[in-house]
Amino acid sequence: MSPLAHVVPAEYRWIETSDGRMTVYGVCPPNPFQRCRIEHRLACPEQALPDLWPWLTSLRGENARQAERLNEPEAPRTPEEWPDAG
């Protein structure tokens, strides 16, 4: 598999150098047409996917917690809190 390098996180890009060796290519942004190789564990459906973007994982966790808070049923009001209907 040789995806475009700009779609792969920098620390997971493996680029073939001019002498035929592979090296991690952390230059950002890469050439938009540069292809790279990726580790087997990123493409293998039988292996757990590593945390590629920790900031995004944190954001998703916070969004999930916020959604839970918004979807919790509101506690019923006590009679003292009811609006004055006259």
PDB file of N, CA and C in Angstrom:
ATOM      1  N   MET A   1       0.847  -1.175   0.000  1.00  0.00           N
ATOM      2  CA  MET A   1       0.000   0.000   0.000  1.00  0.00           C
ATOM      3  C   MET A   1       0.887   1.231   0.000  1.00  0.00           C
ATOM      4  N   SER A   2       0.627   2.145  -0.898  1.00  0.00           N
ATOM      5  CA  SER A   2       1.411   3.380  -0.997  1.00  0.00           C
ATOM      6  C   SER A   2       0.472   4.583  -1.064  1.00  0.00           C
ATOM      7  N   PRO A   3      -0.058   5.012   0.095  1.00  0.00           N
ATOM      8  CA  PRO A   3      -0.955   6.169   0.084  1.00  0.00           C
ATOM      9  C   PRO A   3      -0.181   7.466  -0.134  1.00  0.00           C
ATOM     10  N   LEU A   4      -0.900   8.517  -0.450  1.00  0.00           N
ATOM     11  CA  LEU A   4      -0.278   9.834  -0.541  1.00  0.00           C
ATOM     12  C   LEU A   4       0.228  10.220   0.845  1.00  0.00           C
ATOM     13  N   ALA A   5       1.445  10.740   0.901  1.00  0.00           N
ATOM     14  CA  ALA A   5       2.095  11.020   2.183  1.00  0.00           C
ATOM     15  C   ALA A   5       1.342  12.033   3.028  1.00  0.00           C
ATOM     16  N   HIS A   6       0.673  12.987   2.408  1.00  0.00           N
ATOM     17  CA  HIS A   6       0.016  14.033   3.205  1.00  0.00           C
ATOM     18  C   HIS A   6      -1.209  13.530   3.963  1.00  0.00           C
ATOM     19  N   VAL A   7      -1.706  12.333   3.661  1.00  0.00           N
ATOM     20  CA  VAL A   7      -2.847  11.791   4.397  1.00  0.00           C
ATOM     21  C   VAL A   7      -2.416  10.900   5.564  1.00  0.00           C
ATOM     22  N   VAL A   8      -1.123  10.690   5.724  1.00  0.00           N
ATOM     23  CA  VAL A   8      -0.586   9.832   6.786  1.00  0.00           C
ATOM     24  C   VAL A   8       0.101  10.721   7.821  1.00  0.00           C
ATOM     25  N   PRO A   9      -0.166  10.512   9.130  1.00  0.00           N
ATOM     26  CA  PRO A   9       0.518  11.317  10.145  1.00  0.00           C
ATOM     27  C   PRO A   9       2.036  11.221   9.981  1.00  0.00           C
ATOM     28  N   ALA A  10       2.728  12.323  10.232  1.00  0.00           N
ATOM     29  CA  ALA A  10       4.164  12.432   9.952  1.00  0.00           C
ATOM     30  C   ALA A  10       4.987  11.293  10.529  1.00  0.00           C
ATOM     31  N   GLU A  11       4.725  10.878  11.742  1.00  0.00           N
ATOM     32  CA  GLU A  11       5.553   9.847  12.361  1.00  0.00           C
ATOM     33  C   GLU A  11       5.268   8.436  11.851  1.00  0.00           C
ATOM     34  N   TYR A  12       4.315   8.292  10.938  1.00  0.00           N
ATOM     35  CA  TYR A  12       3.984   6.986  10.373  1.00  0.00           C
ATOM     36  C   TYR A  12       4.297   6.888   8.879  1.00  0.00           C
ATOM     37  N   ARG A  13       4.911   7.919   8.315  1.00  0.00           N
ATOM     38  CA  ARG A  13       5.270   7.910   6.888  1.00  0.00           C
ATOM     39  C   ARG A  13       6.632   7.248   6.705  1.00  0.00           C
ATOM     40  N   TRP A  14       6.692   6.265   5.846  1.00  0.00           N
ATOM     41  CA  TRP A  14       7.960   5.629   5.496  1.00  0.00           C
ATOM     42  C   TRP A  14       8.230   5.928   4.031  1.00  0.00           C
ATOM     43  N   ILE A  15       9.326   6.638   3.764  1.00  0.00           N
ATOM     44  CA  ILE A  15       9.688   7.064   2.413  1.00  0.00           C
ATOM     45  C   ILE A  15      10.938   6.305   1.979  1.00  0.00           C
ATOM     46  N   GLU A  16      10.961   5.881   0.734  1.00  0.00           N
ATOM     47  CA  GLU A  16      12.151   5.227   0.196  1.00  0.00           C
ATOM     48  C   GLU A  16      13.152   6.302  -0.222  1.00  0.00           C
ATOM     49  N   THR A  17      14.369   6.210   0.320  1.00  0.00           N
ATOM     50  CA  THR A  17      15.407   7.183  -0.008  1.00  0.00           C
ATOM     51  C   THR A  17      16.077   6.807  -1.325  1.00  0.00           C
ATOM     52  N   SER A  18      16.921   7.696  -1.841  1.00  0.00           N
ATOM     53  CA  SER A  18      17.557   7.467  -3.133  1.00  0.00           C
ATOM     54  C   SER A  18      18.464   6.241  -3.140  1.00  0.00           C
ATOM     55  N   ASP A  19      18.959   5.823  -1.953  1.00  0.00           N
ATOM     56  CA  ASP A  19      19.811   4.626  -1.903  1.00  0.00           C
ATOM     57  C   ASP A  19      19.008   3.347  -1.657  1.00  0.00           C
ATOM     58  N   GLY A  20      17.675   3.433  -1.682  1.00  0.00           N
ATOM     59  CA  GLY A  20      16.823   2.252  -1.569  1.00  0.00           C
ATOM     60  C   GLY A  20      16.403   1.908  -0.150  1.00  0.00           C
ATOM     61  N   ARG A  21      16.913   2.611   0.835  1.00  0.00           N
ATOM     62  CA  ARG A  21      16.508   2.344   2.216  1.00  0.00           C
ATOM     63  C   ARG A  21      15.223   3.095   2.540  1.00  0.00           C
ATOM     64  N   MET A  22      14.533   2.619   3.589  1.00  0.00           N
ATOM     65  CA  MET A  22      13.297   3.263   4.034  1.00  0.00           C
ATOM     66  C   MET A  22      13.605   4.075   5.285  1.00  0.00           C
ATOM     67  N   THR A  23      12.985   5.226   5.405  1.00  0.00           N
ATOM     68  CA  THR A  23      13.159   6.080   6.575  1.00  0.00           C
ATOM     69  C   THR A  23      11.839   6.747   6.920  1.00  0.00           C
ATOM     70  N   VAL A  24      11.636   7.020   8.214  1.00  0.00           N
ATOM     71  CA  VAL A  24      10.450   7.754   8.636  1.00  0.00           C
ATOM     72  C   VAL A  24      10.602   9.178   8.128  1.00  0.00           C
ATOM     73  N   TYR A  25       9.557   9.690   7.521  1.00  0.00           N
ATOM     74  CA  TYR A  25       9.600  10.997   6.873  1.00  0.00           C
ATOM     75  C   TYR A  25       8.667  11.924   7.624  1.00  0.00           C
ATOM     76  N   GLY A  26       9.224  12.732   8.521  1.00  0.00           N
ATOM     77  CA  GLY A  26       8.395  13.596   9.341  1.00  0.00           C
ATOM     78  C   GLY A  26       8.278  15.023   8.857  1.00  0.00           C
ATOM     79  N   VAL A  27       8.688  15.300   7.623  1.00  0.00           N
ATOM     80  CA  VAL A  27       8.611  16.659   7.097  1.00  0.00           C
ATOM     81  C   VAL A  27       7.145  16.999   6.829  1.00  0.00           C
ATOM     82  N   CYS A  28       6.721  18.169   7.316  1.00  0.00           N
ATOM     83  CA  CYS A  28       5.345  18.605   7.097  1.00  0.00           C
ATOM     84  C   CYS A  28       5.357  19.974   6.453  1.00  0.00           C
ATOM     85  N   PRO A  29       4.576  20.268   5.506  1.00  0.00           N
ATOM     86  CA  PRO A  29       3.793  19.310   4.747  1.00  0.00           C
ATOM     87  C   PRO A  29       4.647  18.650   3.673  1.00  0.00           C
ATOM     88  N   PRO A  30       4.384  17.403   3.379  1.00  0.00           N
ATOM     89  CA  PRO A  30       5.139  16.731   2.330  1.00  0.00           C
ATOM     90  C   PRO A  30       4.685  17.202   0.950  1.00  0.00           C
ATOM     91  N   ASN A  31       5.450  16.834  -0.041  1.00  0.00           N
ATOM     92  CA  ASN A  31       5.070  17.076  -1.426  1.00  0.00           C
ATOM     93  C   ASN A  31       3.690  16.461  -1.643  1.00  0.00           C
ATOM     94  N   PRO A  32       2.724  17.165  -2.231  1.00  0.00           N
ATOM     95  CA  PRO A  32       1.369  16.630  -2.358  1.00  0.00           C
ATOM     96  C   PRO A  32       1.261  15.385  -3.238  1.00  0.00           C
ATOM     97  N   PHE A  33       2.298  15.101  -4.028  1.00  0.00           N
ATOM     98  CA  PHE A  33       2.247  13.922  -4.890  1.00  0.00           C
ATOM     99  C   PHE A  33       3.139  12.792  -4.376  1.00  0.00           C
ATOM    100  N   GLN A  34       3.834  13.019  -3.246  1.00  0.00           N
ATOM    101  CA  GLN A  34       4.734  12.019  -2.671  1.00  0.00           C
ATOM    102  C   GLN A  34       3.936  10.843  -2.128  1.00  0.00           C
ATOM    103  N   ARG A  35       4.371   9.650  -2.456  1.00  0.00           N
ATOM    104  CA  ARG A  35       3.754   8.439  -1.928  1.00  0.00           C
ATOM    105  C   ARG A  35       4.624   7.919  -0.796  1.00  0.00           C
ATOM    106  N   CYS A  36       4.038   7.176   0.105  1.00  0.00           N
ATOM    107  CA  CYS A  36       4.809   6.613   1.203  1.00  0.00           C
ATOM    108  C   CYS A  36       4.296   5.216   1.503  1.00  0.00           C
ATOM    109  N   ARG A  37       5.012   4.532   2.355  1.00  0.00           N
ATOM    110  CA  ARG A  37       4.553   3.236   2.842  1.00  0.00           C
ATOM    111  C   ARG A  37       4.114   3.420   4.282  1.00  0.00           C
ATOM    112  N   ILE A  38       3.258   2.521   4.744  1.00  0.00           N
ATOM    113  CA  ILE A  38       2.808   2.586   6.133  1.00  0.00           C
ATOM    114  C   ILE A  38       3.048   1.237   6.794  1.00  0.00           C
ATOM    115  N   GLU A  39       3.072   1.258   8.118  1.00  0.00           N
ATOM    116  CA  GLU A  39       3.277   0.035   8.879  1.00  0.00           C
ATOM    117  C   GLU A  39       2.097  -0.906   8.677  1.00  0.00           C
ATOM    118  N   HIS A  40       2.382  -2.192   8.757  1.00  0.00           N
ATOM    119  CA  HIS A  40       1.350  -3.216   8.605  1.00  0.00           C
ATOM    120  C   HIS A  40       0.220  -3.014   9.615  1.00  0.00           C
ATOM    121  N   ARG A  41       0.570  -2.671  10.854  1.00  0.00           N
ATOM    122  CA  ARG A  41      -0.450  -2.566  11.901  1.00  0.00           C
ATOM    123  C   ARG A  41      -1.468  -1.467  11.640  1.00  0.00           C
ATOM    124  N   LEU A  42      -1.137  -0.491  10.790  1.00  0.00           N
ATOM    125  CA  LEU A  42      -2.104   0.565  10.475  1.00  0.00           C
ATOM    126  C   LEU A  42      -3.178   0.081   9.505  1.00  0.00           C
ATOM    127  N   ALA A  43      -2.826  -0.862   8.653  1.00  0.00           N
ATOM    128  CA  ALA A  43      -3.767  -1.335   7.639  1.00  0.00           C
ATOM    129  C   ALA A  43      -4.426  -2.671   7.997  1.00  0.00           C
ATOM    130  N   CYS A  44      -3.850  -3.394   8.944  1.00  0.00           N
ATOM    131  CA  CYS A  44      -4.355  -4.732   9.293  1.00  0.00           C
ATOM    132  C   CYS A  44      -5.615  -4.637  10.141  1.00  0.00           C
ATOM    133  N   PRO A  45      -6.722  -5.225   9.679  1.00  0.00           N
ATOM    134  CA  PRO A  45      -7.962  -5.144  10.442  1.00  0.00           C
ATOM    135  C   PRO A  45      -7.940  -5.976  11.727  1.00  0.00           C
ATOM    136  N   GLU A  46      -6.971  -6.865  11.865  1.00  0.00           N
ATOM    137  CA  GLU A  46      -6.895  -7.720  13.045  1.00  0.00           C
ATOM    138  C   GLU A  46      -6.101  -7.082  14.181  1.00  0.00           C
ATOM    139  N   GLN A  47      -5.513  -5.908  13.960  1.00  0.00           N
ATOM    140  CA  GLN A  47      -4.720  -5.265  15.000  1.00  0.00           C
ATOM    141  C   GLN A  47      -5.388  -3.968  15.439  1.00  0.00           C
ATOM    142  N   ALA A  48      -5.192  -3.655  16.706  1.00  0.00           N
ATOM    143  CA  ALA A  48      -5.770  -2.417  17.238  1.00  0.00           C
ATOM    144  C   ALA A  48      -5.063  -1.216  16.622  1.00  0.00           C
ATOM    145  N   LEU A  49      -5.829  -0.217  16.269  1.00  0.00           N
ATOM    146  CA  LEU A  49      -5.280   0.991  15.677  1.00  0.00           C
ATOM    147  C   LEU A  49      -4.663   1.860  16.764  1.00  0.00           C
ATOM    148  N   PRO A  50      -3.424   2.329  16.576  1.00  0.00           N
ATOM    149  CA  PRO A  50      -2.824   3.204  17.595  1.00  0.00           C
ATOM    150  C   PRO A  50      -3.512   4.561  17.619  1.00  0.00           C
ATOM    151  N   ASP A  51      -3.247   5.308  18.667  1.00  0.00           N
ATOM    152  CA  ASP A  51      -3.817   6.648  18.813  1.00  0.00           C
ATOM    153  C   ASP A  51      -3.020   7.594  17.918  1.00  0.00           C
ATOM    154  N   LEU A  52      -3.493   7.816  16.686  1.00  0.00           N
ATOM    155  CA  LEU A  52      -2.743   8.592  15.706  1.00  0.00           C
ATOM    156  C   LEU A  52      -2.723  10.084  16.029  1.00  0.00           C
ATOM    157  N   TRP A  53      -3.810  10.604  16.547  1.00  0.00           N
ATOM    158  CA  TRP A  53      -3.904  12.023  16.851  1.00  0.00           C
ATOM    159  C   TRP A  53      -4.436  12.179  18.273  1.00  0.00           C
ATOM    160  N   PRO A  54      -3.536  12.227  19.289  1.00  0.00           N
ATOM    161  CA  PRO A  54      -4.012  12.328  20.680  1.00  0.00           C
ATOM    162  C   PRO A  54      -4.938  13.514  20.925  1.00  0.00           C
ATOM    163  N   TRP A  55      -4.688  14.648  20.291  1.00  0.00           N
ATOM    164  CA  TRP A  55      -5.560  15.806  20.499  1.00  0.00           C
ATOM    165  C   TRP A  55      -6.967  15.523  19.992  1.00  0.00           C
ATOM    166  N   LEU A  56      -7.075  14.764  18.887  1.00  0.00           N
ATOM    167  CA  LEU A  56      -8.392  14.444  18.347  1.00  0.00           C
ATOM    168  C   LEU A  56      -9.103  13.429  19.236  1.00  0.00           C
ATOM    169  N   THR A  57      -8.357  12.491  19.787  1.00  0.00           N
ATOM    170  CA  THR A  57      -8.941  11.521  20.707  1.00  0.00           C
ATOM    171  C   THR A  57      -9.493  12.240  21.931  1.00  0.00           C
ATOM    172  N   SER A  58      -8.753  13.218  22.449  1.00  0.00           N
ATOM    173  CA  SER A  58      -9.229  14.001  23.598  1.00  0.00           C
ATOM    174  C   SER A  58     -10.487  14.785  23.247  1.00  0.00           C
ATOM    175  N   LEU A  59     -10.482  15.391  22.071  1.00  0.00           N
ATOM    176  CA  LEU A  59     -11.648  16.157  21.630  1.00  0.00           C
ATOM    177  C   LEU A  59     -12.866  15.256  21.489  1.00  0.00           C
ATOM    178  N   ARG A  60     -12.686  14.074  20.904  1.00  0.00           N
ATOM    179  CA  ARG A  60     -13.810  13.154  20.737  1.00  0.00           C
ATOM    180  C   ARG A  60     -14.354  12.704  22.090  1.00  0.00           C
ATOM    181  N   GLY A  61     -13.446  12.470  23.052  1.00  0.00           N
ATOM    182  CA  GLY A  61     -13.882  12.081  24.392  1.00  0.00           C
ATOM    183  C   GLY A  61     -14.694  13.177  25.059  1.00  0.00           C
ATOM    184  N   GLU A  62     -14.221  14.414  24.944  1.00  0.00           N
ATOM    185  CA  GLU A  62     -14.950  15.541  25.530  1.00  0.00           C
ATOM    186  C   GLU A  62     -16.296  15.731  24.842  1.00  0.00           C
ATOM    187  N   ASN A  63     -16.344  15.578  23.525  1.00  0.00           N
ATOM    188  CA  ASN A  63     -17.617  15.695  22.803  1.00  0.00           C
ATOM    189  C   ASN A  63     -18.599  14.612  23.244  1.00  0.00           C
ATOM    190  N   ALA A  64     -18.105  13.406  23.494  1.00  0.00           N
ATOM    191  CA  ALA A  64     -18.968  12.316  23.957  1.00  0.00           C
ATOM    192  C   ALA A  64     -19.530  12.639  25.343  1.00  0.00           C
ATOM    193  N   ARG A  65     -18.674  13.153  26.239  1.00  0.00           N
ATOM    194  CA  ARG A  65     -19.142  13.526  27.577  1.00  0.00           C
ATOM    195  C   ARG A  65     -20.180  14.652  27.504  1.00  0.00           C
ATOM    196  N   GLN A  66     -19.941  15.625  26.627  1.00  0.00           N
ATOM    197  CA  GLN A  66     -20.884  16.732  26.479  1.00  0.00           C
ATOM    198  C   GLN A  66     -22.226  16.227  25.941  1.00  0.00           C
ATOM    199  N   ALA A  67     -22.189  15.317  24.990  1.00  0.00           N
ATOM    200  CA  ALA A  67     -23.433  14.766  24.439  1.00  0.00           C
ATOM    201  C   ALA A  67     -24.211  14.011  25.509  1.00  0.00           C
ATOM    202  N   GLU A  68     -23.490  13.283  26.372  1.00  0.00           N
ATOM    203  CA  GLU A  68     -24.164  12.572  27.466  1.00  0.00           C
ATOM    204  C   GLU A  68     -24.847  13.553  28.406  1.00  0.00           C
ATOM    205  N   ARG A  69     -24.150  14.653  28.733  1.00  0.00           N
ATOM    206  CA  ARG A  69     -24.730  15.644  29.638  1.00  0.00           C
ATOM    207  C   ARG A  69     -25.977  16.282  29.019  1.00  0.00           C
ATOM    208  N   LEU A  70     -25.938  16.549  27.722  1.00  0.00           N
ATOM    209  CA  LEU A  70     -27.081  17.179  27.054  1.00  0.00           C
ATOM    210  C   LEU A  70     -28.266  16.233  26.936  1.00  0.00           C
ATOM    211  N   ASN A  71     -28.000  14.941  26.861  1.00  0.00           N
ATOM    212  CA  ASN A  71     -29.071  13.956  26.682  1.00  0.00           C
ATOM    213  C   ASN A  71     -29.621  13.420  27.992  1.00  0.00           C
ATOM    214  N   GLU A  72     -29.025  13.799  29.132  1.00  0.00           N
ATOM    215  CA  GLU A  72     -29.535  13.345  30.422  1.00  0.00           C
ATOM    216  C   GLU A  72     -30.880  14.001  30.679  1.00  0.00           C
ATOM    217  N   PRO A  73     -31.835  13.216  31.160  1.00  0.00           N
ATOM    218  CA  PRO A  73     -33.147  13.823  31.459  1.00  0.00           C
ATOM    219  C   PRO A  73     -33.010  14.809  32.610  1.00  0.00           C
ATOM    220  N   GLU A  74     -33.757  15.876  32.504  1.00  0.00           N
ATOM    221  CA  GLU A  74     -33.726  16.911  33.531  1.00  0.00           C
ATOM    222  C   GLU A  74     -34.546  16.453  34.728  1.00  0.00           C
ATOM    223  N   ALA A  75     -34.030  16.712  35.906  1.00  0.00           N
ATOM    224  CA  ALA A  75     -34.758  16.341  37.131  1.00  0.00           C
ATOM    225  C   ALA A  75     -36.053  17.156  37.200  1.00  0.00           C
ATOM    226  N   PRO A  76     -37.137  16.527  37.662  1.00  0.00           N
ATOM    227  CA  PRO A  76     -38.405  17.280  37.754  1.00  0.00           C
ATOM    228  C   PRO A  76     -38.284  18.416  38.761  1.00  0.00           C
ATOM    229  N   ARG A  77     -38.964  19.519  38.469  1.00  0.00           N
ATOM    230  CA  ARG A  77     -38.938  20.687  39.359  1.00  0.00           C
ATOM    231  C   ARG A  77     -39.810  20.434  40.582  1.00  0.00           C
ATOM    232  N   THR A  78     -39.393  21.013  41.675  1.00  0.00           N
ATOM    233  CA  THR A  78     -40.220  20.954  42.884  1.00  0.00           C
ATOM    234  C   THR A  78     -41.308  22.003  42.757  1.00  0.00           C
ATOM    235  N   PRO A  79     -42.394  21.870  43.496  1.00  0.00           N
ATOM    236  CA  PRO A  79     -43.485  22.874  43.398  1.00  0.00           C
ATOM    237  C   PRO A  79     -43.011  24.293  43.658  1.00  0.00           C
ATOM    238  N   GLU A  80     -41.982  24.459  44.497  1.00  0.00           N
ATOM    239  CA  GLU A  80     -41.480  25.803  44.763  1.00  0.00           C
ATOM    240  C   GLU A  80     -40.838  26.437  43.531  1.00  0.00           C
ATOM    241  N   GLU A  81     -40.383  25.610  42.615  1.00  0.00           N
ATOM    242  CA  GLU A  81     -39.704  26.104  41.400  1.00  0.00           C
ATOM    243  C   GLU A  81     -40.670  26.310  40.239  1.00  0.00           C
ATOM    244  N   TRP A  82     -41.940  25.896  40.396  1.00  0.00           N
ATOM    245  CA  TRP A  82     -42.892  26.039  39.308  1.00  0.00           C
ATOM    246  C   TRP A  82     -43.149  27.521  39.032  1.00  0.00           C
ATOM    247  N   PRO A  83     -43.397  27.855  37.786  1.00  0.00           N
ATOM    248  CA  PRO A  83     -43.693  29.267  37.485  1.00  0.00           C
ATOM    249  C   PRO A  83     -45.042  29.686  38.085  1.00  0.00           C
ATOM    250  N   ASP A  84     -45.155  30.949  38.404  1.00  0.00           N
ATOM    251  CA  ASP A  84     -46.407  31.482  38.967  1.00  0.00           C
ATOM    252  C   ASP A  84     -47.412  31.640  37.830  1.00  0.00           C
ATOM    253  N   ALA A  85     -48.447  30.818  37.869  1.00  0.00           N
ATOM    254  CA  ALA A  85     -49.455  30.849  36.800  1.00  0.00           C
ATOM    255  C   ALA A  85     -50.667  31.691  37.197  1.00  0.00           C
ATOM    256  N   GLY A  86     -50.563  32.359  38.303  1.00  0.00           N
ATOM    257  CA  GLY A  86     -51.604  33.305  38.693  1.00  0.00           C
ATOM    258  C   GLY A  86     -52.652  32.706  39.486  1.00  0.00           C
TER     259      GLY A  86
END
